[in-house]
Amino acid sequence: MHNFTQEDLLLFLYKEASPQKTASIQNALVSDWNLREEMEVLASSIKQLNSGKLYSPRQKSIDAILEYAEKATPALSVQH
């Protein structure tokens, strides 16, 4: 059993893991069926996220968030 976090696996999939972590994960994938399955699920999720169309929020939503933030932190709000 290996103790890789999902963050470790995501870094591996995005080729951002350290060389040592990459080697450890590659070695573990050879013998750990559960790890391979988890990796496939993560890879599939990444593929689905990358294939979807992203939309920008409506200006009304942005304004509502900014208004809420201004009320929540009055000392930090900018005077207009």
Protein backbone atom coordinates (compact mmCIF):
# COMPACT_ATOMS: atom_id res chain seq x y z
CA MET A 1 0.00 0.00 0.00
CA HIS A 2 1.31 3.42 -0.95
CA ASN A 3 0.52 6.70 0.72
CA PHE A 4 0.22 9.14 -2.15
CA THR A 5 -2.18 12.03 -1.79
CA GLN A 6 -4.43 13.16 -4.61
CA GLU A 7 -2.22 16.23 -4.80
CA ASP A 8 0.80 13.96 -5.41
CA LEU A 9 -1.07 12.18 -8.18
CA LEU A 10 -2.26 15.40 -9.79
CA LEU A 11 1.27 16.80 -9.74
CA PHE A 12 2.40 13.56 -11.40
CA LEU A 13 -0.29 13.78 -14.08
CA TYR A 14 0.58 17.40 -14.82
CA LYS A 15 4.29 16.49 -14.85
CA GLU A 16 4.99 18.86 -11.96
CA ALA A 17 6.03 16.28 -9.33
CA SER A 18 9.61 16.12 -8.15
CA PRO A 19 11.81 13.55 -9.87
CA GLN A 20 11.84 11.43 -6.68
CA LYS A 21 8.05 11.52 -6.33
CA THR A 22 7.63 10.77 -10.05
CA ALA A 23 9.88 7.71 -9.76
CA SER A 24 8.03 6.52 -6.64
CA ILE A 25 4.65 6.82 -8.32
CA GLN A 26 5.86 5.12 -11.51
CA ASN A 27 7.23 2.21 -9.48
CA ALA A 28 4.03 1.94 -7.47
CA LEU A 29 1.85 1.96 -10.59
CA VAL A 30 3.54 -1.24 -11.75
CA SER A 31 2.23 -3.29 -8.85
CA ASP A 32 -0.65 -1.37 -7.24
CA TRP A 33 -3.91 -1.96 -9.08
CA ASN A 34 -5.86 0.41 -6.78
CA LEU A 35 -3.39 3.20 -7.47
CA ARG A 36 -3.68 2.64 -11.23
CA GLU A 37 -7.46 2.79 -10.96
CA GLU A 38 -7.32 6.03 -8.96
CA MET A 39 -4.90 7.48 -11.49
CA GLU A 40 -7.26 6.59 -14.34
CA VAL A 41 -10.16 8.30 -12.58
CA LEU A 42 -8.10 11.45 -12.02
CA ALA A 43 -6.84 11.44 -15.61
CA SER A 44 -10.38 11.04 -16.91
CA SER A 45 -11.58 13.91 -14.70
CA ILE A 46 -8.80 16.15 -16.00
CA LYS A 47 -9.73 15.28 -19.57
CA GLN A 48 -13.40 16.13 -18.94
CA LEU A 49 -12.52 19.42 -17.26
CA ASN A 50 -10.23 20.40 -20.12
CA SER A 51 -12.83 19.59 -22.77
CA GLY A 52 -15.60 21.71 -21.25
CA LYS A 53 -16.38 25.25 -22.26
CA LEU A 54 -15.67 27.76 -19.53
CA TYR A 55 -17.97 30.71 -19.03
CA SER A 56 -17.25 34.02 -17.36
CA PRO A 57 -19.55 35.01 -14.53
CA ARG A 58 -22.19 37.62 -15.19
CA GLN A 59 -21.27 41.14 -14.14
CA LYS A 60 -24.26 41.11 -11.75
CA SER A 61 -22.68 38.14 -9.92
CA ILE A 62 -19.30 39.84 -9.70
CA ASP A 63 -20.92 43.01 -8.37
CA ALA A 64 -22.84 41.03 -5.74
CA ILE A 65 -19.64 39.32 -4.55
CA LEU A 66 -17.75 42.59 -4.38
CA GLU A 67 -20.61 44.25 -2.48
CA TYR A 68 -20.73 41.37 -0.02
CA ALA A 69 -16.97 41.49 0.47
CA GLU A 70 -17.10 45.23 1.06
CA LYS A 71 -19.76 44.81 3.75
CA ALA A 72 -17.91 41.89 5.36
CA THR A 73 -14.63 43.81 5.62
CA PRO A 74 -15.48 47.49 6.08
CA ALA A 75 -11.98 48.40 7.27
CA LEU A 76 -10.50 47.06 4.04
CA SER A 77 -13.04 48.52 1.62
CA VAL A 78 -11.97 51.11 -0.90
CA GLN A 79 -13.76 54.46 -0.78
CA HIS A 80 -15.25 55.56 -4.11
